[in-house]
Amino acid sequence: MLLSPLNWVVHLFSSLEWGVAIVMLLRYGRLIGRSDIRNFALFMIPHWIGSWFVLGYHISGDRLPLMLDLSELVNIFGSISLLYATISILRRGKPQARGIVGAMAGIVVSGRPQSWMGNNVFDAILQVSSVVYLAFLVLLLKVRKRDPEAFSGLTVFGFWFVLVFISVTIFCMYLATEVRGYPTLSHDDLLHGLAESLLSVSNLLIVLGIHKQTKRVTGYR
């Protein structure tokens, strides 16, 4: 395996944080009696599963590109699912379209690996998923403005902080491969860990924001 023990801790912590956020948001939705918030939390579950696809790729020593392909295939559905869940919150109290859009949310892979289904297809899926995820982020700001009960500003900031993670990951990828001479970012443990730690920060902000909203409702200190 390419990752150092410390880097594994960072990766695992990021995944666990997202799982904690799901549980906390489900509880918050029950506390305030809002099914749309609970549904949003459920739409986060595939996003969490996606992180384990990437971890599986790293466990293989980055030798199973099919794991990344599977993660990207569900990424596009996940981005749509988060967008759908956000629109549902905005349309609260209005007639809702029936049906559920499934699966996973966007996740940035570390390094520039070879794709089993071809890099062109891989890049196309990643780009579409990114556009949909950006639309989700914009609508999330509208949710915060119209319905502050739904999410705290800290949680919304946590979702937006993913863009910082993506930007830094791309820059670290360039440094690792073009400046430091590594085959991929995964081979540069220092830069890889630095980039992944920002995803952990993003997830932590989301968790803290949900905790803040829950404390406001329950009155716990």
Protein backbone atom coordinates (compact mmCIF):
# COMPACT_ATOMS: atom_id res chain seq x y z
CA MET A 1 0.00 0.00 0.00
CA LEU A 2 1.22 3.48 -0.84
CA LEU A 3 -0.25 5.38 2.10
CA SER A 4 1.59 5.86 5.36
CA PRO A 5 -0.20 5.02 8.65
CA LEU A 6 -0.77 8.73 9.33
CA ASN A 7 -2.25 9.22 5.89
CA TRP A 8 -4.56 6.26 6.44
CA VAL A 9 -5.76 7.88 9.67
CA VAL A 10 -6.61 11.06 7.78
CA HIS A 11 -8.53 9.15 5.10
CA LEU A 12 -10.45 7.05 7.61
CA PHE A 13 -11.23 10.07 9.77
CA SER A 14 -12.71 11.89 6.76
CA SER A 15 -15.00 8.96 6.01
CA LEU A 16 -16.08 8.56 9.63
CA GLU A 17 -16.85 12.27 9.93
CA TRP A 18 -19.23 12.06 6.98
CA GLY A 19 -20.99 9.09 8.57
CA VAL A 20 -21.35 11.02 11.83
CA ALA A 21 -22.80 13.97 9.91
CA ILE A 22 -25.46 11.69 8.38
CA VAL A 23 -26.54 10.33 11.77
CA MET A 24 -26.59 13.80 13.34
CA LEU A 25 -28.61 15.29 10.49
CA LEU A 26 -31.14 12.46 10.68
CA ARG A 27 -31.55 13.13 14.39
CA TYR A 28 -31.88 16.87 13.81
CA GLY A 29 -34.55 16.30 11.17
CA ARG A 30 -36.52 14.16 13.63
CA LEU A 31 -36.16 16.76 16.38
CA ILE A 32 -37.67 19.53 14.27
CA GLY A 33 -40.16 17.24 12.55
CA ARG A 34 -38.92 17.76 9.00
CA SER A 35 -38.86 14.86 6.59
CA ASP A 36 -37.02 16.92 3.93
CA ILE A 37 -34.01 17.29 6.22
CA ARG A 38 -34.08 13.57 7.00
CA ASN A 39 -34.25 12.81 3.29
CA PHE A 40 -31.25 15.07 2.68
CA ALA A 41 -29.32 13.07 5.26
CA LEU A 42 -30.27 9.82 3.52
CA PHE A 43 -29.04 11.22 0.21
CA MET A 44 -25.65 11.71 1.89
CA ILE A 45 -25.28 7.96 2.54
CA PRO A 46 -24.03 7.06 -0.96
CA HIS A 47 -21.53 9.91 -0.71
CA TRP A 48 -20.15 8.17 2.35
CA ILE A 49 -20.06 4.83 0.53
CA GLY A 50 -18.08 6.47 -2.26
CA SER A 51 -15.24 7.28 0.09
CA TRP A 52 -14.84 3.55 0.74
CA PHE A 53 -14.46 2.88 -2.98
CA VAL A 54 -11.49 5.22 -2.99
CA LEU A 55 -10.11 3.63 0.16
CA GLY A 56 -10.44 0.26 -1.53
CA TYR A 57 -8.44 1.62 -4.44
CA HIS A 58 -5.68 2.69 -2.05
CA ILE A 59 -5.78 -0.67 -0.25
CA SER A 60 -5.01 -2.31 -3.60
CA GLY A 61 -1.90 -0.15 -3.90
CA ASP A 62 -3.67 1.95 -6.56
CA ARG A 63 -3.73 -1.08 -8.86
CA LEU A 64 -7.51 -1.43 -9.29
CA PRO A 65 -8.66 1.52 -11.40
CA LEU A 66 -12.08 -0.12 -11.67
CA MET A 67 -12.67 0.99 -8.06
CA LEU A 68 -12.23 4.61 -9.09
CA ASP A 69 -14.44 4.13 -12.14
CA LEU A 70 -17.21 2.75 -9.95
CA SER A 71 -16.82 5.68 -7.60
CA GLU A 72 -17.11 8.19 -10.45
CA LEU A 73 -20.13 6.45 -11.95
CA VAL A 74 -21.97 6.85 -8.67
CA ASN A 75 -20.55 10.35 -8.18
CA ILE A 76 -22.70 11.77 -10.94
CA PHE A 77 -25.85 10.21 -9.48
CA GLY A 78 -24.86 11.46 -6.06
CA SER A 79 -24.39 15.01 -7.25
CA ILE A 80 -27.85 14.85 -8.80
CA SER A 81 -29.27 13.39 -5.60
CA LEU A 82 -27.91 16.23 -3.46
CA LEU A 83 -29.23 18.74 -5.96
CA TYR A 84 -32.64 17.06 -5.89
CA ALA A 85 -32.70 17.02 -2.07
CA THR A 86 -31.82 20.73 -1.94
CA ILE A 87 -34.54 21.62 -4.45
CA SER A 88 -37.00 19.64 -2.34
CA ILE A 89 -36.12 21.77 0.69
CA LEU A 90 -36.56 24.96 -1.34
CA ARG A 91 -39.95 23.75 -2.53
CA ARG A 92 -41.12 22.93 0.98
CA GLY A 93 -44.86 23.39 1.23
CA LYS A 94 -45.33 23.15 -2.54
CA PRO A 95 -46.40 20.07 -4.56
CA GLN A 96 -43.45 17.73 -4.79
CA ALA A 97 -42.45 15.58 -7.73
CA ARG A 98 -42.64 11.89 -6.94
CA GLY A 99 -39.67 9.59 -7.03
CA ILE A 100 -36.13 9.60 -5.70
CA VAL A 101 -32.89 10.20 -7.52
CA GLY A 102 -30.33 7.67 -6.24
CA ALA A 103 -26.83 7.29 -5.10
CA MET A 104 -23.55 9.04 -4.60
CA ALA A 105 -22.01 12.46 -4.36
CA GLY A 106 -18.83 14.00 -5.74
CA ILE A 107 -15.46 12.89 -4.53
CA VAL A 108 -12.06 13.88 -5.85
CA VAL A 109 -9.63 11.06 -6.42
CA SER A 110 -6.01 11.45 -5.46
CA GLY A 111 -3.52 11.54 -8.27
CA ARG A 112 -4.11 11.08 -11.99
CA PRO A 113 -4.61 7.31 -12.27
CA GLN A 114 -5.29 5.25 -15.35
CA SER A 115 -9.00 4.60 -15.81
CA TRP A 116 -10.32 1.15 -16.66
CA MET A 117 -13.06 2.61 -18.85
CA GLY A 118 -10.78 5.17 -20.49
CA ASN A 119 -9.56 8.55 -19.29
CA ASN A 120 -11.82 10.48 -21.69
CA VAL A 121 -14.96 8.85 -20.29
CA PHE A 122 -13.65 9.20 -16.75
CA ASP A 123 -12.99 12.93 -17.23
CA ALA A 124 -16.38 13.51 -18.86
CA ILE A 125 -18.21 11.90 -15.94
CA LEU A 126 -16.12 13.88 -13.46
CA GLN A 127 -16.86 17.17 -15.23
CA VAL A 128 -20.63 16.58 -15.39
CA SER A 129 -20.66 15.57 -11.74
CA SER A 130 -18.74 18.72 -10.82
CA VAL A 131 -21.16 21.00 -12.67
CA VAL A 132 -24.16 19.42 -10.92
CA TYR A 133 -22.40 19.64 -7.56
CA LEU A 134 -21.72 23.35 -8.12
CA ALA A 135 -25.42 23.86 -8.84
CA PHE A 136 -26.16 22.10 -5.55
CA LEU A 137 -23.83 24.47 -3.70
CA VAL A 138 -25.47 27.55 -5.19
CA LEU A 139 -28.95 26.33 -4.24
CA LEU A 140 -27.67 25.51 -0.76
CA LEU A 141 -26.99 29.23 -0.29
CA LYS A 142 -30.59 29.95 -1.23
CA VAL A 143 -31.77 27.38 1.29
CA ARG A 144 -29.72 29.07 3.99
CA LYS A 145 -31.18 32.47 3.13
CA ARG A 146 -34.83 31.35 2.87
CA ASP A 147 -34.87 28.60 5.48
CA PRO A 148 -32.18 29.11 8.14
CA GLU A 149 -33.75 26.34 10.24
CA ALA A 150 -32.58 23.77 7.70
CA PHE A 151 -28.81 24.27 7.90
CA SER A 152 -26.48 26.45 9.91
CA GLY A 153 -24.11 28.78 8.12
CA LEU A 154 -21.23 26.62 9.33
CA THR A 155 -22.68 23.53 7.66
CA VAL A 156 -23.18 25.38 4.38
CA PHE A 157 -19.61 26.68 4.62
CA GLY A 158 -18.44 23.10 5.16
CA PHE A 159 -20.07 21.97 1.92
CA TRP A 160 -18.51 24.91 0.08
CA PHE A 161 -15.10 24.20 1.62
CA VAL A 162 -14.98 21.10 -0.58
CA LEU A 163 -14.01 23.51 -3.37
CA VAL A 164 -10.90 24.43 -1.38
CA PHE A 165 -10.09 20.74 -1.04
CA ILE A 166 -10.51 20.25 -4.79
CA SER A 167 -8.37 23.27 -5.68
CA VAL A 168 -5.57 22.31 -3.32
CA THR A 169 -5.71 18.69 -4.51
CA ILE A 170 -5.27 19.79 -8.13
CA PHE A 171 -2.36 22.02 -7.16
CA CYS A 172 -0.76 19.25 -5.07
CA MET A 173 -1.24 16.87 -7.96
CA TYR A 174 0.72 19.24 -10.19
CA LEU A 175 3.49 19.64 -7.61
CA ALA A 176 3.74 15.89 -7.00
CA THR A 177 3.86 14.83 -10.65
CA GLU A 178 5.48 17.78 -12.43
CA VAL A 179 7.79 19.24 -9.78
CA ARG A 180 8.61 16.43 -7.37
CA GLY A 181 8.61 13.71 -10.04
CA TYR A 182 6.16 11.20 -8.53
CA PRO A 183 3.94 9.06 -10.80
CA THR A 184 0.75 10.20 -9.02
CA LEU A 185 -0.24 12.24 -6.00
CA SER A 186 -0.77 9.02 -4.04
CA HIS A 187 2.98 8.37 -4.24
CA ASP A 188 3.75 11.71 -2.57
CA ASP A 189 2.63 10.98 0.97
CA LEU A 190 3.21 14.52 2.26
CA LEU A 191 1.18 16.34 -0.38
CA HIS A 192 -1.43 13.61 -0.50
CA GLY A 193 -1.98 13.84 3.24
CA LEU A 194 -2.10 17.65 3.09
CA ALA A 195 -4.80 17.61 0.43
CA GLU A 196 -6.87 14.90 2.14
CA SER A 197 -6.72 16.75 5.47
CA LEU A 198 -8.72 19.57 3.89
CA LEU A 199 -11.55 17.16 3.11
CA SER A 200 -11.48 16.18 6.76
CA VAL A 201 -11.75 19.88 7.69
CA SER A 202 -14.74 20.24 5.35
CA ASN A 203 -16.54 17.28 6.92
CA LEU A 204 -15.73 18.53 10.42
CA LEU A 205 -17.29 21.92 9.63
CA ILE A 206 -20.45 20.17 8.46
CA VAL A 207 -20.61 18.12 11.67
CA LEU A 208 -20.03 21.15 13.90
CA GLY A 209 -22.72 23.08 12.05
CA ILE A 210 -25.27 20.31 12.55
CA HIS A 211 -24.29 20.12 16.23
CA LYS A 212 -24.87 23.87 16.53
CA GLN A 213 -28.37 23.58 15.07
CA THR A 214 -29.21 20.61 17.27
CA LYS A 215 -28.00 22.39 20.40
CA ARG A 216 -30.19 25.37 19.52
CA VAL A 217 -33.24 23.12 19.37
CA THR A 218 -32.54 20.98 22.42
CA GLY A 219 -31.01 23.70 24.56
CA TYR A 220 -28.00 21.51 25.46
CA ARG A 221 -24.74 23.24 26.19
